[in-house]
Protein backbone atom coordinates (compact mmCIF):
# COMPACT_ATOMS: atom_id res chain seq x y z
CA MET A 1 48.32 23.10 -18.25
CA TRP A 2 46.80 23.27 -14.76
CA LEU A 3 48.17 25.56 -12.05
CA ASP A 4 51.21 26.30 -14.23
CA TYR A 5 52.45 22.90 -13.05
CA PHE A 6 50.65 19.88 -14.54
CA ASP A 7 51.25 19.84 -18.27
CA HIS A 8 48.65 17.20 -19.21
CA VAL A 9 45.26 16.49 -17.60
CA TYR A 10 43.56 13.14 -18.28
CA CYS A 11 40.08 12.01 -17.27
CA ILE A 12 38.98 8.36 -17.15
CA HIS A 13 35.52 8.61 -18.68
CA MET A 14 33.17 6.10 -20.26
CA PRO A 15 31.05 8.15 -22.69
CA ASN A 16 27.98 9.33 -20.79
CA PRO A 17 26.46 12.79 -21.38
CA GLU A 18 25.35 13.34 -17.78
CA ARG A 19 28.69 12.33 -16.27
CA ARG A 20 30.56 14.36 -18.89
CA GLU A 21 28.55 17.46 -18.02
CA ALA A 22 29.06 16.90 -14.27
CA ILE A 23 32.82 16.41 -14.45
CA ALA A 24 33.19 19.36 -16.85
CA LYS A 25 31.56 21.57 -14.21
CA GLN A 26 33.94 20.21 -11.58
CA PHE A 27 36.94 20.94 -13.77
CA ASP A 28 35.67 24.42 -14.52
CA SER A 29 35.32 25.13 -10.78
CA VAL A 30 39.08 24.68 -10.30
CA GLY A 31 40.26 26.22 -13.56
CA ILE A 32 40.94 23.03 -15.54
CA THR A 33 40.13 23.82 -19.17
CA ASP A 34 42.20 21.45 -21.32
CA VAL A 35 41.32 17.80 -20.61
CA THR A 36 41.96 14.62 -22.56
CA TYR A 37 39.14 12.15 -21.95
CA ILE A 38 40.23 8.51 -22.09
CA HIS A 39 38.42 5.19 -22.07
CA ALA A 40 39.43 1.70 -23.12
CA THR A 41 37.11 -0.61 -25.04
CA PRO A 42 35.16 -2.53 -22.38
CA PRO A 43 35.79 -6.28 -22.16
CA ALA A 44 33.24 -8.45 -23.96
CA GLU A 45 29.97 -9.45 -22.29
CA GLY A 46 30.55 -12.52 -20.13
CA PHE A 47 34.20 -11.58 -19.48
CA THR A 48 35.35 -12.71 -16.05
CA MET A 49 38.46 -12.75 -13.89
CA SER A 50 38.80 -14.33 -10.46
CA ASN A 51 41.23 -11.71 -9.08
CA MET A 52 38.81 -8.77 -8.95
CA ARG A 53 36.77 -7.75 -5.90
CA ARG A 54 33.55 -6.86 -7.79
CA GLY A 55 32.17 -6.80 -11.32
CA PRO A 56 35.26 -8.22 -13.13
CA ARG A 57 34.20 -6.78 -16.50
CA GLY A 58 33.83 -3.26 -15.13
CA GLU A 59 36.81 -3.52 -12.80
CA PHE A 60 39.18 -4.70 -15.54
CA GLY A 61 37.76 -2.18 -18.02
CA CYS A 62 38.48 0.59 -15.49
CA SER A 63 42.03 -0.71 -15.07
CA LEU A 64 42.57 -0.72 -18.83
CA SER A 65 41.36 2.89 -19.07
CA HIS A 66 43.85 4.03 -16.41
CA ILE A 67 46.65 2.19 -18.18
CA LYS A 68 45.61 3.64 -21.55
CA ALA A 69 45.75 7.13 -20.03
CA ALA A 70 49.26 6.48 -18.67
CA ALA A 71 50.33 5.18 -22.09
CA HIS A 72 48.97 8.36 -23.73
CA ALA A 73 50.90 10.48 -21.23
CA LEU A 74 54.11 8.56 -21.88
CA ALA A 75 53.70 8.70 -25.66
CA GLY A 76 52.90 12.42 -25.47
CA GLY A 77 56.06 13.21 -23.53
CA ALA A 78 54.17 14.44 -20.45
CA ARG A 79 56.46 15.51 -17.62
CA TRP A 80 53.84 16.28 -14.95
CA PRO A 81 50.61 14.49 -15.96
CA ILE A 82 47.61 14.27 -13.63
CA PHE A 83 44.73 11.79 -13.83
CA PHE A 84 41.11 12.00 -12.64
CA GLU A 85 38.16 9.64 -12.67
CA ASP A 86 34.94 11.17 -13.97
CA ASP A 87 33.00 10.97 -10.70
CA VAL A 88 35.47 13.03 -8.68
CA THR A 89 34.34 16.09 -6.73
CA PHE A 90 36.66 18.89 -5.64
CA ARG A 91 36.33 20.06 -2.07
CA MET A 92 36.01 23.67 -0.97
CA GLY A 93 39.43 25.31 -0.88
CA THR A 94 41.01 23.00 -3.47
CA LEU A 95 43.03 25.71 -5.19
CA LYS A 96 44.49 27.22 -2.03
CA SER A 97 45.40 23.81 -0.59
CA MET A 98 46.85 22.55 -3.87
CA ARG A 99 49.00 25.65 -4.26
CA GLN A 100 50.44 25.22 -0.79
CA ALA A 101 51.01 21.50 -1.30
CA LEU A 102 52.89 22.08 -4.56
CA LEU A 103 55.15 24.60 -2.85
CA GLU A 104 55.93 22.04 -0.14
CA LEU A 105 56.30 19.06 -2.49
CA PRO A 106 59.87 17.76 -2.95
CA TYR A 107 61.00 17.80 -6.57
CA THR A 108 61.87 14.11 -6.20
CA TRP A 109 58.18 13.13 -5.81
CA GLU A 110 56.92 10.43 -8.17
CA VAL A 111 53.30 9.78 -7.15
CA LEU A 112 50.98 12.43 -5.72
CA TYR A 113 47.44 11.66 -4.56
CA LEU A 114 44.68 14.25 -4.17
CA GLY A 115 42.18 11.81 -2.65
CA GLY A 116 41.96 8.28 -1.29
CA HIS A 117 43.33 6.72 1.86
CA PRO A 118 46.48 4.97 3.12
CA ARG A 119 46.59 1.22 3.68
CA SER A 120 49.84 1.37 5.63
CA PRO A 121 51.43 3.96 7.96
CA ALA A 122 51.48 7.52 6.61
CA LYS A 123 53.08 10.58 8.15
CA MET A 124 52.52 14.31 7.87
CA VAL A 125 55.70 15.86 6.51
CA SER A 126 54.41 19.42 6.06
CA ALA A 127 51.25 21.42 6.63
CA ASN A 128 49.57 20.07 3.48
CA LEU A 129 51.37 16.83 2.63
CA ALA A 130 51.48 13.30 3.99
CA LYS A 131 54.19 10.83 2.99
CA VAL A 132 52.37 7.62 2.05
CA GLY A 133 53.12 3.98 1.32
CA THR A 134 50.48 1.53 0.10
CA PHE A 135 47.33 3.41 -0.84
CA SER A 136 43.76 2.89 -2.02
CA PHE A 137 41.55 4.71 -4.55
CA ALA A 138 42.63 6.11 -7.90
CA GLU A 139 40.15 8.98 -8.21
CA ALA A 140 42.79 11.70 -8.54
CA TYR A 141 46.56 11.29 -8.75
CA ALA A 142 49.64 12.48 -10.58
CA ILE A 143 52.63 10.42 -11.68
CA LYS A 144 55.91 12.10 -12.55
CA GLY A 145 56.71 11.62 -16.23
CA TRP A 146 59.93 9.76 -15.55
CA ALA A 147 57.98 7.12 -13.54
CA LEU A 148 55.31 6.37 -16.16
CA ARG A 149 57.25 3.62 -17.90
CA SER A 150 57.93 1.91 -14.56
CA TRP A 151 54.25 2.20 -13.60
CA LEU A 152 53.13 0.53 -16.85
CA ALA A 153 55.65 -2.28 -16.41
CA PHE A 154 54.58 -2.75 -12.78
CA TRP A 155 50.92 -3.05 -13.75
CA CYS A 156 51.67 -5.57 -16.50
CA ASP A 157 53.54 -7.78 -14.04
CA ARG A 158 50.82 -7.43 -11.39
CA ALA A 159 47.62 -7.68 -13.47
CA GLY A 160 47.45 -11.46 -13.39
CA GLN A 161 47.92 -11.75 -9.64
CA LYS A 162 45.49 -11.66 -6.70
CA ASN A 163 43.49 -8.46 -6.06
CA ALA A 164 44.59 -6.74 -9.26
CA MET A 165 42.22 -3.76 -9.05
CA VAL A 166 43.98 -0.72 -10.49
CA ASP A 167 43.75 1.39 -7.34
CA LEU A 168 45.38 -1.31 -5.20
CA VAL A 169 48.07 -1.98 -7.81
CA LEU A 170 48.81 1.74 -8.09
CA GLY A 171 48.96 1.88 -4.29
CA GLU A 172 51.55 -0.90 -4.24
CA PHE A 173 53.55 0.92 -6.90
CA ALA A 174 53.34 4.12 -4.84
CA ALA A 175 54.79 2.28 -1.83
CA GLN A 176 57.94 1.59 -3.83
CA ARG A 177 58.36 5.17 -5.01
CA SER A 178 58.55 8.67 -3.49
CA SER A 179 54.82 9.18 -2.87
CA PHE A 180 52.71 11.80 -1.14
CA CYS A 181 49.08 12.78 -0.64
CA VAL A 182 47.64 16.25 -0.30
CA TYR A 183 46.07 16.27 3.18
CA PRO A 184 43.45 17.20 4.19
CA LEU A 185 42.13 15.65 1.00
CA ILE A 186 40.94 17.88 -1.82
CA THR A 187 38.91 15.33 -3.82
CA TYR A 188 36.31 12.69 -3.02
CA GLN A 189 33.81 10.45 -4.77
CA PRO A 190 30.27 11.12 -3.51
CA PRO A 191 27.99 8.16 -2.71
CA GLY A 192 26.14 6.84 -5.72
CA ILE A 193 25.70 3.97 -8.15
CA SER A 194 29.06 2.53 -9.19
CA GLN A 195 29.66 2.06 -12.92
CA ILE A 196 31.82 -0.93 -12.01
CA SER A 197 29.45 -2.91 -9.79
CA ASP A 198 26.14 -1.24 -10.78
CA LYS A 199 25.39 -1.05 -7.04
CA PHE A 200 25.21 1.77 -4.51
CA ASP A 201 28.70 2.64 -3.26
CA ASP A 202 29.64 4.86 -0.31
CA LYS A 203 33.39 5.08 0.31
CA SER A 204 33.32 7.56 3.20
CA GLY A 205 33.58 4.92 5.92
CA CYS A 206 36.72 3.21 4.66
CA LEU A 207 38.17 6.60 3.70
CA ASN A 208 38.01 8.00 7.21
CA LYS A 209 39.00 4.70 8.81
CA GLY A 210 42.08 4.49 6.59
CA TRP A 211 43.33 7.90 7.70
CA GLN A 212 42.40 7.50 11.36
CA THR A 213 44.18 4.14 11.51
CA ASN A 214 47.31 4.97 9.55
CA LEU A 215 48.12 8.66 9.87
CA SER A 216 50.93 9.66 12.17
CA THR A 217 51.31 13.38 12.88
CA LYS A 218 53.94 15.52 14.56
CA SER A 219 51.44 16.87 17.07
CA ALA A 220 47.88 16.15 18.15
CA SER A 221 46.73 19.45 16.63
CA GLU A 222 47.71 18.18 13.17
CA LYS A 223 45.43 15.15 13.33
CA ARG A 224 42.66 16.63 11.24
CA PRO A 225 39.68 14.81 9.70
CA ALA A 226 40.29 13.72 6.12
CA THR A 227 37.35 15.84 4.97
CA THR A 228 38.25 19.17 6.63
CA MET A 229 38.99 21.96 4.15
CA CYS A 230 39.43 25.72 4.37
CA ALA A 231 37.84 28.26 2.07
CA SER A 232 39.77 30.06 -0.65
CA ASP A 233 38.92 33.34 -2.33
CA GLN A 234 41.21 33.17 -5.33
CA TRP A 235 44.04 31.26 -6.94
CA PRO A 236 47.41 32.99 -7.11
CA GLY A 237 49.65 31.43 -9.76
CA THR A 238 52.05 28.67 -8.80
CA PRO A 239 55.58 28.83 -10.21
CA LYS A 240 56.35 26.10 -12.73
CA PRO A 241 58.92 23.67 -11.29
CA THR A 242 62.46 23.92 -12.56
CA ALA A 243 63.69 21.05 -14.69
C-alpha cells in the first residue's frame, strides 16, 4: 500500500544490483516499502522486429515486462496498482504534490501518469492535474484495476503493428480512456546509458517540448515548466478512495 491509496506497487526491473539499490533508495525516499519487482525473460540473442524504434530485443523485452506486471496485477486482484521503471527518480515535493493530485483526481480515472509528456493536446483541469490524450514514456503510471484487462487486450492487438513500443501503445490506450497526469511532473528519468539501446539517452528535450507544445492552461500563470516542483516537509495521510 502506498499513500493509503495504491494497493500494489510494481517495478519493472532487470536484475542488476546497482540499479536495485538505486531504485530502492528512491522508493524509500517517498515511503514505498512493499514492491513487487517484475521482469520478463529477455528475447533470444539475434531477436529482431521491424516495428521498434531502437534495439528491438531490449525494446520488446521491456514491453513484455510491463505486460507481465499488468498481468500480475490483474491476477492478484489489484484495484489501484501503480507501475514504475527502475531508473525513475522522484522530484522534490513528490509526496505533497501526489497528495493534492489524488484529492483532485476524479474517481472515474483509468490511467494516471506521474511522468512523461503528452503527444496531443492536454489541458490543466485542476492545480495538480492535466487531462491527457496520447502520451509518451512509461516510467511511472497507474492503471485502475477495472481497466487492466482492456489494457492487456489493447496491447495484444497493437503489438504487431507499426511503432509498437510499450510507452507509445500505453499512450494510445490512455487516449481512449479517462486519463490524467500529475503536473508539474513528479518523476523523471535522468540522462544515462539506456538498457534498451545501450547508448546515452537524455529525454529532457522531448519532455519539455511535449509539454510546451501541447499543454493548454486556464491562465498564463498556470503554464509552469514540467520540471518545477515545490518542497514538502512531511506527508499527511491520504484518505483511501471509496469503492
